[in-house]
N, C-alpha and C. Protein backbone atom coordinates (compact mmCIF):
# COMPACT_ATOMS: atom_id res chain seq x y z
N MET A 1 103.76 57.47 112.15
CA MET A 1 102.71 58.46 112.02
C MET A 1 101.99 58.23 110.69
N GLU A 2 100.67 58.36 110.74
CA GLU A 2 99.83 58.23 109.56
C GLU A 2 99.09 59.54 109.33
N ALA A 3 98.61 59.72 108.10
CA ALA A 3 97.83 60.92 107.78
C ALA A 3 96.66 60.54 106.89
N LYS A 4 95.54 61.25 107.08
CA LYS A 4 94.32 61.04 106.31
C LYS A 4 93.80 62.38 105.83
N LEU A 5 93.24 62.37 104.63
CA LEU A 5 92.51 63.51 104.11
C LEU A 5 91.05 63.09 104.06
N ILE A 6 90.22 63.77 104.84
CA ILE A 6 88.81 63.42 104.98
C ILE A 6 87.99 64.55 104.37
N THR A 7 87.09 64.21 103.47
CA THR A 7 86.17 65.18 102.87
C THR A 7 84.76 64.78 103.29
N LEU A 8 84.03 65.74 103.85
CA LEU A 8 82.69 65.45 104.38
C LEU A 8 81.67 66.35 103.72
N THR A 9 80.52 65.77 103.38
CA THR A 9 79.42 66.52 102.78
C THR A 9 78.20 66.38 103.68
N GLY A 10 77.24 67.26 103.47
CA GLY A 10 76.01 67.26 104.26
C GLY A 10 75.86 68.59 104.95
N LYS A 11 75.27 68.58 106.13
CA LYS A 11 75.11 69.80 106.92
C LYS A 11 76.35 69.94 107.79
N VAL A 12 77.43 70.46 107.16
CA VAL A 12 78.73 70.53 107.82
C VAL A 12 79.29 71.95 107.86
N GLN A 13 78.53 72.91 107.35
CA GLN A 13 78.98 74.31 107.43
C GLN A 13 77.92 75.13 108.15
N GLY A 14 78.39 76.08 108.95
CA GLY A 14 77.48 76.95 109.68
C GLY A 14 76.87 76.29 110.91
N VAL A 15 77.45 75.18 111.36
CA VAL A 15 76.90 74.46 112.52
C VAL A 15 77.97 74.18 113.58
N GLY A 16 79.14 74.80 113.46
CA GLY A 16 80.22 74.58 114.42
C GLY A 16 81.04 73.32 114.17
N PHE A 17 80.95 72.79 112.97
CA PHE A 17 81.62 71.53 112.63
C PHE A 17 83.13 71.62 112.83
N ARG A 18 83.76 72.68 112.29
CA ARG A 18 85.22 72.80 112.40
C ARG A 18 85.64 73.01 113.86
N TYR A 19 84.91 73.79 114.60
CA TYR A 19 85.20 74.03 116.02
C TYR A 19 85.19 72.71 116.79
N HIS A 20 84.15 71.91 116.60
CA HIS A 20 84.04 70.63 117.30
C HIS A 20 85.09 69.63 116.81
N THR A 21 85.43 69.70 115.52
CA THR A 21 86.48 68.83 114.99
C THR A 21 87.81 69.15 115.66
N LYS A 22 88.09 70.43 115.86
CA LYS A 22 89.33 70.82 116.53
C LYS A 22 89.36 70.30 117.97
N ALA A 23 88.24 70.38 118.66
CA ALA A 23 88.18 69.88 120.04
C ALA A 23 88.47 68.38 120.08
N ILE A 24 87.94 67.64 119.13
CA ILE A 24 88.20 66.20 119.08
C ILE A 24 89.67 65.94 118.73
N ALA A 25 90.21 66.72 117.80
CA ALA A 25 91.62 66.57 117.43
C ALA A 25 92.52 66.82 118.65
N ASP A 26 92.21 67.84 119.41
CA ASP A 26 93.00 68.14 120.60
C ASP A 26 92.90 67.00 121.62
N GLN A 27 91.73 66.40 121.74
CA GLN A 27 91.52 65.29 122.66
C GLN A 27 92.40 64.10 122.30
N TYR A 28 92.55 63.83 120.99
CA TYR A 28 93.30 62.65 120.54
C TYR A 28 94.74 62.96 120.13
N GLY A 29 95.17 64.21 120.27
CA GLY A 29 96.54 64.57 119.90
C GLY A 29 96.78 64.57 118.40
N ILE A 30 95.75 64.90 117.63
CA ILE A 30 95.83 64.92 116.17
C ILE A 30 96.29 66.30 115.72
N LYS A 31 97.14 66.30 114.70
CA LYS A 31 97.64 67.55 114.13
C LYS A 31 97.10 67.68 112.70
N GLY A 32 96.91 68.91 112.25
CA GLY A 32 96.42 69.14 110.89
C GLY A 32 95.49 70.33 110.82
N TYR A 33 94.39 70.20 110.05
CA TYR A 33 93.46 71.32 109.88
C TYR A 33 92.08 70.83 109.47
N ALA A 34 91.11 71.72 109.63
CA ALA A 34 89.77 71.56 109.09
C ALA A 34 89.45 72.87 108.38
N LYS A 35 88.96 72.78 107.14
CA LYS A 35 88.62 74.00 106.42
C LYS A 35 87.38 73.78 105.57
N ASN A 36 86.63 74.86 105.39
CA ASN A 36 85.47 74.82 104.52
C ASN A 36 85.91 74.85 103.07
N LEU A 37 85.29 74.02 102.25
CA LEU A 37 85.41 74.11 100.80
C LEU A 37 84.13 74.80 100.32
N THR A 38 83.81 74.72 99.06
CA THR A 38 82.62 75.39 98.56
C THR A 38 81.37 74.94 99.32
N GLU A 39 81.14 73.65 99.41
CA GLU A 39 79.98 73.14 100.15
C GLU A 39 80.35 72.07 101.16
N ASP A 40 81.58 71.62 101.16
CA ASP A 40 82.04 70.52 101.99
C ASP A 40 83.03 71.03 103.04
N VAL A 41 83.48 70.12 103.87
CA VAL A 41 84.57 70.40 104.80
C VAL A 41 85.69 69.41 104.52
N GLU A 42 86.92 69.93 104.47
CA GLU A 42 88.10 69.10 104.28
C GLU A 42 88.87 69.06 105.58
N VAL A 43 89.29 67.86 105.97
CA VAL A 43 90.06 67.68 107.20
C VAL A 43 91.34 66.93 106.85
N PHE A 44 92.47 67.53 107.17
CA PHE A 44 93.76 66.84 107.08
C PHE A 44 94.14 66.50 108.51
N ALA A 45 94.34 65.22 108.77
CA ALA A 45 94.61 64.78 110.14
C ALA A 45 95.77 63.80 110.14
N GLN A 46 96.66 63.97 111.12
CA GLN A 46 97.77 63.04 111.24
C GLN A 46 98.05 62.77 112.72
N GLY A 47 98.50 61.53 112.96
CA GLY A 47 98.80 61.10 114.31
C GLY A 47 99.08 59.61 114.31
N ASP A 48 99.17 59.04 115.50
CA ASP A 48 99.40 57.60 115.57
C ASP A 48 98.12 56.88 115.14
N GLU A 49 98.26 55.65 114.66
CA GLU A 49 97.15 54.92 114.05
C GLU A 49 95.93 54.78 114.95
N PRO A 50 96.08 54.36 116.22
CA PRO A 50 94.87 54.22 117.06
C PRO A 50 94.14 55.55 117.28
N SER A 51 94.88 56.61 117.55
CA SER A 51 94.26 57.92 117.77
C SER A 51 93.61 58.44 116.49
N LEU A 52 94.27 58.25 115.37
CA LEU A 52 93.73 58.70 114.09
C LEU A 52 92.44 57.95 113.75
N ALA A 53 92.39 56.67 114.04
CA ALA A 53 91.17 55.88 113.79
C ALA A 53 90.02 56.38 114.66
N GLN A 54 90.27 56.64 115.94
CA GLN A 54 89.22 57.15 116.84
C GLN A 54 88.76 58.53 116.40
N PHE A 55 89.71 59.38 116.02
CA PHE A 55 89.38 60.72 115.54
C PHE A 55 88.50 60.64 114.30
N THR A 56 88.90 59.81 113.35
CA THR A 56 88.15 59.68 112.10
C THR A 56 86.73 59.21 112.38
N ASP A 57 86.57 58.21 113.23
CA ASP A 57 85.23 57.73 113.59
C ASP A 57 84.38 58.84 114.18
N ALA A 58 84.96 59.64 115.06
CA ALA A 58 84.21 60.73 115.69
C ALA A 58 83.82 61.81 114.68
N VAL A 59 84.72 62.13 113.77
CA VAL A 59 84.45 63.20 112.80
C VAL A 59 83.38 62.77 111.79
N VAL A 60 83.46 61.56 111.29
CA VAL A 60 82.47 61.13 110.29
C VAL A 60 81.09 60.89 110.93
N SER A 61 81.04 60.81 112.25
CA SER A 61 79.75 60.70 112.95
C SER A 61 79.07 62.06 113.10
N GLY A 62 79.78 63.14 112.77
CA GLY A 62 79.21 64.48 112.90
C GLY A 62 79.43 65.02 114.29
N PRO A 63 80.58 65.66 114.53
CA PRO A 63 80.94 66.09 115.88
C PRO A 63 80.10 67.22 116.45
N ALA A 64 79.53 68.07 115.61
CA ALA A 64 78.74 69.19 116.10
C ALA A 64 77.29 68.74 116.30
N PRO A 65 76.63 69.19 117.35
CA PRO A 65 75.25 68.74 117.61
C PRO A 65 74.29 68.97 116.45
N LEU A 66 74.45 70.04 115.71
CA LEU A 66 73.53 70.34 114.61
C LEU A 66 74.02 69.83 113.26
N SER A 67 75.18 69.20 113.23
CA SER A 67 75.72 68.73 111.95
C SER A 67 75.09 67.39 111.56
N ARG A 68 75.15 67.13 110.25
CA ARG A 68 74.69 65.85 109.74
C ARG A 68 75.57 65.51 108.54
N VAL A 69 76.40 64.49 108.67
CA VAL A 69 77.29 64.07 107.59
C VAL A 69 76.49 63.15 106.68
N ALA A 70 76.31 63.57 105.42
CA ALA A 70 75.57 62.77 104.44
C ALA A 70 76.49 61.76 103.76
N ASP A 71 77.74 62.16 103.53
CA ASP A 71 78.70 61.30 102.86
C ASP A 71 80.10 61.78 103.21
N TYR A 72 81.06 60.89 103.06
CA TYR A 72 82.44 61.26 103.34
C TYR A 72 83.37 60.34 102.58
N SER A 73 84.61 60.82 102.41
CA SER A 73 85.67 59.98 101.85
C SER A 73 86.89 60.14 102.73
N VAL A 74 87.66 59.07 102.84
CA VAL A 74 88.88 59.07 103.63
C VAL A 74 89.99 58.54 102.74
N GLU A 75 91.03 59.34 102.59
CA GLU A 75 92.16 58.98 101.73
C GLU A 75 93.44 59.00 102.55
N SER A 76 94.24 57.97 102.43
CA SER A 76 95.56 57.98 103.07
C SER A 76 96.48 58.88 102.28
N VAL A 77 97.19 59.77 102.98
CA VAL A 77 98.11 60.71 102.35
C VAL A 77 99.42 60.72 103.15
N GLU A 78 100.41 61.40 102.62
CA GLU A 78 101.70 61.52 103.29
C GLU A 78 101.59 62.48 104.48
N PRO A 79 102.18 62.14 105.62
CA PRO A 79 102.22 63.07 106.74
C PRO A 79 102.99 64.34 106.38
N ASP A 80 102.69 65.41 107.08
CA ASP A 80 103.34 66.70 106.85
C ASP A 80 103.86 67.21 108.20
N ASP A 81 105.17 67.21 108.37
CA ASP A 81 105.78 67.60 109.64
C ASP A 81 105.62 69.08 109.96
N ASP A 82 105.07 69.87 109.04
CA ASP A 82 104.88 71.29 109.30
C ASP A 82 103.78 71.56 110.32
N TYR A 83 102.90 70.60 110.55
CA TYR A 83 101.79 70.81 111.49
C TYR A 83 102.22 70.42 112.91
N THR A 84 102.09 71.37 113.82
CA THR A 84 102.45 71.14 115.21
C THR A 84 101.22 71.11 116.11
N ASN A 85 100.06 71.45 115.53
CA ASN A 85 98.79 71.42 116.28
C ASN A 85 97.66 71.26 115.25
N PHE A 86 96.42 71.42 115.69
CA PHE A 86 95.28 71.34 114.79
C PHE A 86 94.68 72.72 114.66
N LYS A 87 94.41 73.15 113.44
CA LYS A 87 93.91 74.49 113.16
C LYS A 87 92.58 74.42 112.41
N THR A 88 91.77 75.45 112.58
CA THR A 88 90.62 75.63 111.72
C THR A 88 90.97 76.75 110.76
N LEU A 89 90.75 76.50 109.50
CA LEU A 89 91.09 77.49 108.47
C LEU A 89 89.83 78.03 107.82
């Protein structure tokens, strides 16, 4: 299992970004969370490598129809076994 911390900037709040991110996470069996920061969205995602790669590609493309990701960073982090599903915070 691998884990990534993804931070996204742009038009990512108030457009259903976290809701659509959760739907994609559920589709790929990803566990973790999406939460709003001051102006950005933070996503902690973990799963098997192929699913995590597909999930990451979908999220950085802007999953919500009205969203627009201007920039993002992806950092490899340690998995956290406390997550049993994907949550929006």
